[in-house]
Protein backbone atom coordinates (compact mmCIF):
# COMPACT_ATOMS: atom_id res chain seq x y z
CA MET A 1 95.31 49.54 55.99
CA SER A 2 96.14 47.34 58.94
CA VAL A 3 97.49 43.83 58.87
CA GLY A 4 96.17 41.53 61.56
CA VAL A 5 97.03 38.11 62.86
CA PRO A 6 94.71 35.42 61.47
CA GLY A 7 91.87 34.71 63.86
CA GLU A 8 92.12 38.12 65.55
CA SER A 9 89.96 41.07 64.74
CA SER A 10 91.86 44.09 63.56
CA VAL A 11 90.53 47.59 63.77
CA SER A 12 91.82 50.27 61.52
CA PRO A 13 92.14 53.84 62.77
CA GLN A 14 89.39 54.89 60.35
CA SER A 15 86.81 52.53 61.91
CA PRO A 16 86.98 52.54 65.71
CA ALA A 17 85.48 49.62 67.57
CA SER A 18 81.86 50.19 68.41
CA PRO A 19 80.72 49.46 71.97
CA GLN A 20 78.93 46.34 70.73
CA SER A 21 81.72 44.90 68.57
CA PRO A 22 83.15 41.52 69.60
CA ALA A 23 86.48 43.19 70.37
CA SER A 24 84.89 45.45 72.97
CA PRO A 25 84.96 44.38 76.63
CA GLN A 26 81.52 46.01 77.02
CA SER A 27 80.03 43.36 74.72
CA ARG A 28 80.48 40.80 77.52
CA GLU A 29 78.81 42.95 80.18
CA PRO A 30 75.13 42.64 80.98
CA ARG A 31 73.01 45.53 79.76
CA PHE A 32 70.07 46.55 81.91
CA ALA A 33 68.09 49.37 83.45
CA LEU A 34 68.00 49.93 87.18
CA PRO A 35 64.70 49.70 89.07
CA ALA A 36 63.89 53.40 88.77
CA VAL A 37 60.42 53.45 90.26
CA SER A 38 60.95 50.98 93.09
CA VAL A 39 64.16 52.62 94.34
CA GLY A 40 62.74 56.13 93.93
CA VAL A 41 59.57 55.25 95.83
CA ALA A 42 61.56 53.37 98.49
CA LEU A 43 63.82 56.39 99.03
CA ALA A 44 60.82 58.74 99.24
CA LEU A 45 58.98 56.49 101.72
CA LEU A 46 62.10 55.97 103.80
CA GLY A 47 62.68 59.73 103.81
CA GLY A 48 59.14 60.25 105.12
CA ALA A 49 59.72 57.62 107.79
CA LEU A 50 62.95 59.37 108.79
CA VAL A 51 61.09 62.67 109.18
CA LEU A 52 58.64 60.98 111.56
CA ALA A 53 61.46 59.19 113.36
CA TRP A 54 63.34 62.46 113.83
CA ASP A 55 60.32 63.88 115.65
CA TRP A 56 60.86 61.16 118.27
CA ILE A 57 64.65 60.92 118.17
CA GLY A 58 65.31 64.67 118.39
CA PRO A 59 63.57 65.24 121.73
CA ALA A 60 65.04 61.99 123.07
CA LEU A 61 68.50 63.40 122.36
CA GLY A 62 67.62 66.55 124.29
CA TYR A 63 67.08 68.97 121.41
CA SER A 64 64.62 71.84 121.83
CA VAL A 65 61.45 72.18 119.77
CA GLU A 66 63.15 74.75 117.51
CA GLU A 67 66.15 72.45 116.97
CA VAL A 68 63.90 69.47 116.21
CA SER A 69 62.07 71.60 113.64
CA MET A 70 65.38 72.62 112.09
CA GLY A 71 66.49 68.98 111.97
CA ARG A 72 63.17 67.99 110.36
CA ARG A 73 63.77 70.50 107.55
CA GLY A 74 67.25 69.05 107.11
CA VAL A 75 65.87 65.52 106.77
CA ILE A 76 63.26 66.71 104.25
CA GLY A 77 65.90 68.56 102.21
CA VAL A 78 68.24 65.57 102.19
CA SER A 79 65.43 63.18 101.25
CA VAL A 80 64.30 65.33 98.32
CA ALA A 81 67.90 65.73 97.13
CA MET A 82 68.57 61.99 97.33
CA VAL A 83 65.51 61.19 95.21
CA ALA A 84 66.36 64.00 92.76
CA VAL A 85 69.92 62.76 92.23
CA TRP A 86 68.60 59.19 91.81
CA LEU A 87 66.34 60.44 89.01
CA LEU A 88 69.17 62.56 87.59
CA ILE A 89 71.15 59.44 86.58
CA CYS A 90 68.16 58.24 84.48
CA PRO A 91 67.93 54.74 85.97
CA TRP A 92 65.31 53.70 83.39
CA LYS A 93 67.89 53.82 80.56
CA ILE A 94 69.54 50.56 79.51
CA ARG A 95 73.32 50.70 80.00
CA CYS A 96 76.24 48.33 80.51
CA ALA A 97 76.99 47.27 84.08
CA GLY A 98 80.30 49.14 84.11
CA ASP A 99 78.62 52.31 82.92
CA TRP A 100 76.01 52.01 85.67
CA MET A 101 78.65 51.75 88.34
CA ALA A 102 80.37 54.87 87.01
CA TRP A 103 77.06 56.78 86.96
CA TRP A 104 76.20 55.63 90.47
CA LEU A 105 79.64 56.58 91.81
CA GLY A 106 79.26 59.99 90.18
CA ALA A 107 75.90 60.40 91.89
CA ILE A 108 77.51 59.59 95.24
CA VAL A 109 80.18 62.24 94.68
CA VAL A 110 77.52 64.81 93.75
CA ARG A 111 75.70 63.98 96.99
CA LEU A 112 78.84 64.11 99.14
CA PHE A 113 79.64 67.61 97.92
CA GLY A 114 76.11 68.82 97.22
CA LEU A 115 74.24 67.82 100.38
CA PRO A 116 76.30 69.96 102.79
CA ILE A 117 75.95 72.91 100.43
CA LEU A 118 72.20 72.31 100.12
CA VAL A 119 71.72 72.09 103.88
CA TYR A 120 73.74 75.27 104.37
CA LEU A 121 71.76 77.16 101.71
CA LEU A 122 68.37 75.95 102.93
CA HIS A 123 69.10 77.00 106.48
CA SER A 124 71.14 80.13 106.02
CA PRO A 125 71.82 82.01 108.23
CA PRO A 126 73.01 79.05 110.29
CA PRO A 127 71.14 78.42 113.53
CA LYS A 128 72.75 79.25 116.87
CA SER A 129 73.26 75.55 117.52
CA PRO A 130 73.54 73.63 114.24
CA ASN A 131 74.08 70.28 115.99
CA ALA A 132 70.51 69.05 115.49
CA LEU A 133 70.47 70.13 111.85
CA VAL A 134 73.80 68.44 111.10
CA ALA A 135 72.92 65.27 113.01
CA ALA A 136 69.53 64.91 111.34
CA ALA A 137 70.78 65.66 107.82
CA ALA A 138 73.86 63.45 108.11
CA GLY A 139 71.88 60.59 109.65
CA ALA A 140 69.24 60.79 106.93
CA ALA A 141 71.86 60.91 104.18
CA LEU A 142 73.62 57.85 105.59
CA VAL A 143 70.44 55.80 105.97
CA LEU A 144 69.15 56.75 102.51
CA LEU A 145 72.51 56.09 100.85
CA LEU A 146 72.77 52.65 102.48
CA ALA A 147 69.22 51.79 101.40
CA GLU A 148 69.91 52.89 97.84
CA ALA A 149 73.19 50.96 97.77
CA GLY A 150 71.47 47.78 98.95
CA LEU A 151 68.63 48.05 96.44
CA THR A 152 70.98 48.92 93.57
CA ALA A 153 73.44 46.13 94.41
CA ARG A 154 70.60 43.62 94.61
CA SER A 155 69.35 44.68 91.19
CA VAL A 156 72.82 44.55 89.61
CA GLY A 157 73.50 41.13 91.17
CA TRP A 158 70.18 39.85 89.86
CA HIS A 159 71.08 40.93 86.33
CA PHE A 160 74.49 39.27 86.56
CA ASP A 161 72.92 36.04 87.83
CA ARG A 162 70.29 36.03 85.07
CA GLN A 163 72.64 36.66 82.15
CA THR A 164 75.18 34.21 80.86
CA ILE A 165 78.31 36.13 80.05
CA PRO A 166 80.06 34.78 76.96
CA THR A 167 83.73 33.91 77.31
CA PRO A 168 86.13 35.30 74.73
């Protein structure tokens, strides 16, 4: 049995605070789902546009036809992986804002470690000159990550603006 100060909620060890209890900081956070379809479609369309752009950028940078083809496969692989990791975090589920940021940061870490491994595995043995492959894959990853960050931040900001957060 625990003795509490009048006016304060006390929680005994037998009954931990639920995430929605008034004592929980999560109860003051907005709860929402991220725009799963719009961000997923935007990433897929942007990935397709990057594939087409690489067909122009690669030769302009002096890469051979074989290197441009290798870079195109890198952009496609990165685009598919970016959309797959976006869907992996289940953006259609309703979660607290703090939980979303943790999930999104985790997805970024998975991409930072997973994309180089994916590119290496998709194009193993490595080409004689991997410069085009690395440039195309890294450029696509950067552009897609920035686009996702902008769309996600806009959605999170919209939810914070729309919800009145109660003060304790």
